[in-house]
Amino acid sequence: MFPSIHATTSGEDSCVSYNYPPSLKVTEGIENLRQHVIPELDSSRFRYVVEVRDKSWFQDLAYNFFADNDMYMVWSQLAELRTPPVVTTDFLYL
């Protein structure tokens, strides 16, 4: 399963956002990122954020994976889901 991908630019910061559907659980999602996204990252040009929509992601396995790969987990608030305010990088993306 591949995420939808969006790129934004604001001043000097350029961001690539990977948005995963609610059906994607943490184990499958991390494997997808590990195989298809991490090898292609260009941290000299972009910051990377990941938006997840399933509560299985809200655990140390995901937080550590994002921190180890300098990826930010988007803080979002939906009617049925609220992302815990865990910081995985040195920047925020809300």
C-alpha atoms as a PDB file:
ATOM      1  CA  MET A   1       0.000   0.000   0.000  1.00  0.00           C
ATOM      2  CA  PHE A   2       1.465   3.310  -1.050  1.00  0.00           C
ATOM      3  CA  PRO A   3       0.607   6.603   0.648  1.00  0.00           C
ATOM      4  CA  SER A   4      -0.646   9.734  -0.980  1.00  0.00           C
ATOM      5  CA  ILE A   5       2.275  12.126  -1.214  1.00  0.00           C
ATOM      6  CA  HIS A   6       2.188  15.929  -1.007  1.00  0.00           C
ATOM      7  CA  ALA A   7       5.003  18.455  -1.188  1.00  0.00           C
ATOM      8  CA  THR A   8       4.912  21.956   0.298  1.00  0.00           C
ATOM      9  CA  THR A   9       7.398  24.798   0.354  1.00  0.00           C
ATOM     10  CA  SER A  10       7.495  27.630   2.862  1.00  0.00           C
ATOM     11  CA  GLY A  11      10.477  29.955   2.768  1.00  0.00           C
ATOM     12  CA  GLU A  12      13.578  27.818   3.168  1.00  0.00           C
ATOM     13  CA  ASP A  13      11.716  24.709   4.366  1.00  0.00           C
ATOM     14  CA  SER A  14      10.404  22.158   1.900  1.00  0.00           C
ATOM     15  CA  CYS A  15       8.329  19.301   3.202  1.00  0.00           C
ATOM     16  CA  VAL A  16       7.174  16.005   1.738  1.00  0.00           C
ATOM     17  CA  SER A  17       4.150  14.521   3.451  1.00  0.00           C
ATOM     18  CA  TYR A  18       3.190  10.847   3.300  1.00  0.00           C
ATOM     19  CA  ASN A  19      -0.475  10.359   4.185  1.00  0.00           C
ATOM     20  CA  TYR A  20      -1.594   6.849   5.025  1.00  0.00           C
ATOM     21  CA  PRO A  21      -5.202   5.604   5.058  1.00  0.00           C
ATOM     22  CA  PRO A  22      -6.967   4.442   8.245  1.00  0.00           C
ATOM     23  CA  SER A  23      -6.747   0.837   7.080  1.00  0.00           C
ATOM     24  CA  LEU A  24      -2.931   0.784   7.322  1.00  0.00           C
ATOM     25  CA  LYS A  25      -1.605  -0.664  10.578  1.00  0.00           C
ATOM     26  CA  VAL A  26       1.803   0.129  12.055  1.00  0.00           C
ATOM     27  CA  THR A  27       3.646  -3.082  11.113  1.00  0.00           C
ATOM     28  CA  GLU A  28       2.671  -2.952   7.446  1.00  0.00           C
ATOM     29  CA  GLY A  29       3.221   0.795   7.305  1.00  0.00           C
ATOM     30  CA  ILE A  30       6.724   0.700   8.747  1.00  0.00           C
ATOM     31  CA  GLU A  31       7.662  -2.094   6.371  1.00  0.00           C
ATOM     32  CA  ASN A  32       6.323  -0.015   3.465  1.00  0.00           C
ATOM     33  CA  LEU A  33       8.349   2.992   4.590  1.00  0.00           C
ATOM     34  CA  ARG A  34      11.457   0.863   5.119  1.00  0.00           C
ATOM     35  CA  GLN A  35      11.270  -0.705   1.648  1.00  0.00           C
ATOM     36  CA  HIS A  36       9.948   2.109  -0.535  1.00  0.00           C
ATOM     37  CA  VAL A  37      10.481   5.470   1.153  1.00  0.00           C
ATOM     38  CA  ILE A  38      13.611   5.439   3.333  1.00  0.00           C
ATOM     39  CA  PRO A  39      15.956   4.455   0.460  1.00  0.00           C
ATOM     40  CA  GLU A  40      14.724   7.459  -1.560  1.00  0.00           C
ATOM     41  CA  LEU A  41      14.927  10.180   1.104  1.00  0.00           C
ATOM     42  CA  ASP A  42      16.921  13.311   0.309  1.00  0.00           C
ATOM     43  CA  SER A  43      17.226  15.058   3.662  1.00  0.00           C
ATOM     44  CA  SER A  44      19.487  17.719   2.161  1.00  0.00           C
ATOM     45  CA  ARG A  45      16.482  19.077   0.213  1.00  0.00           C
ATOM     46  CA  PHE A  46      13.378  18.074   2.164  1.00  0.00           C
ATOM     47  CA  ARG A  47      11.901  17.446   5.589  1.00  0.00           C
ATOM     48  CA  TYR A  48       9.624  14.401   5.781  1.00  0.00           C
ATOM     49  CA  VAL A  49       6.347  14.027   7.625  1.00  0.00           C
ATOM     50  CA  VAL A  50       4.026  11.061   7.958  1.00  0.00           C
ATOM     51  CA  GLU A  51       0.322  11.292   8.718  1.00  0.00           C
ATOM     52  CA  VAL A  52      -1.228   8.123  10.075  1.00  0.00           C
ATOM     53  CA  ARG A  53      -4.897   7.491  10.785  1.00  0.00           C
ATOM     54  CA  ASP A  54      -4.888   4.309  12.855  1.00  0.00           C
ATOM     55  CA  LYS A  55      -4.213   4.147  16.590  1.00  0.00           C
ATOM     56  CA  SER A  56      -1.895   1.135  16.159  1.00  0.00           C
ATOM     57  CA  TRP A  57       0.789   3.691  15.195  1.00  0.00           C
ATOM     58  CA  PHE A  58       0.709   5.353  18.610  1.00  0.00           C
ATOM     59  CA  GLN A  59       3.471   3.311  20.235  1.00  0.00           C
ATOM     60  CA  ASP A  60       7.230   3.387  20.739  1.00  0.00           C
ATOM     61  CA  LEU A  61       7.842   1.172  17.689  1.00  0.00           C
ATOM     62  CA  ALA A  62       6.559   3.929  15.380  1.00  0.00           C
ATOM     63  CA  TYR A  63       7.934   6.867  17.403  1.00  0.00           C
ATOM     64  CA  ASN A  64      11.424   5.355  17.408  1.00  0.00           C
ATOM     65  CA  PHE A  65      11.251   4.501  13.697  1.00  0.00           C
ATOM     66  CA  PHE A  66      10.292   8.082  12.835  1.00  0.00           C
ATOM     67  CA  ALA A  67      12.965   9.554  15.123  1.00  0.00           C
ATOM     68  CA  ASP A  68      15.663   7.233  13.769  1.00  0.00           C
ATOM     69  CA  ASN A  69      14.811   8.323  10.210  1.00  0.00           C
ATOM     70  CA  ASP A  70      14.267  12.039  10.972  1.00  0.00           C
ATOM     71  CA  MET A  71      10.594  11.843  10.010  1.00  0.00           C
ATOM     72  CA  TYR A  72       7.882  13.766  11.811  1.00  0.00           C
ATOM     73  CA  MET A  73       4.580  12.179  12.804  1.00  0.00           C
ATOM     74  CA  VAL A  74       1.871  14.718  12.008  1.00  0.00           C
ATOM     75  CA  TRP A  75      -0.292  15.816  14.915  1.00  0.00           C
ATOM     76  CA  SER A  76      -3.858  15.658  13.696  1.00  0.00           C
ATOM     77  CA  GLN A  77      -7.251  15.744  15.314  1.00  0.00           C
ATOM     78  CA  LEU A  78     -10.112  13.934  13.694  1.00  0.00           C
ATOM     79  CA  ALA A  79     -13.491  13.174  15.234  1.00  0.00           C
ATOM     80  CA  GLU A  80     -12.487   9.565  15.804  1.00  0.00           C
ATOM     81  CA  LEU A  81      -8.725   9.910  16.295  1.00  0.00           C
ATOM     82  CA  ARG A  82      -6.321  12.247  18.094  1.00  0.00           C
ATOM     83  CA  THR A  83      -2.609  11.879  17.561  1.00  0.00           C
ATOM     84  CA  PRO A  84      -0.598  11.930  20.791  1.00  0.00           C
ATOM     85  CA  PRO A  85       1.733  14.965  20.927  1.00  0.00           C
ATOM     86  CA  VAL A  86       4.955  12.996  20.528  1.00  0.00           C
ATOM     87  CA  VAL A  87       7.896  14.841  18.949  1.00  0.00           C
ATOM     88  CA  THR A  88      10.082  12.716  16.660  1.00  0.00           C
ATOM     89  CA  THR A  89      12.176  15.450  14.996  1.00  0.00           C
ATOM     90  CA  ASP A  90      13.485  18.943  15.624  1.00  0.00           C
ATOM     91  CA  PHE A  91      10.532  20.592  13.810  1.00  0.00           C
ATOM     92  CA  LEU A  92       6.746  20.570  14.070  1.00  0.00           C
ATOM     93  CA  TYR A  93       4.192  20.035  11.334  1.00  0.00           C
ATOM     94  CA  LEU A  94       0.583  20.494  12.394  1.00  0.00           C
END
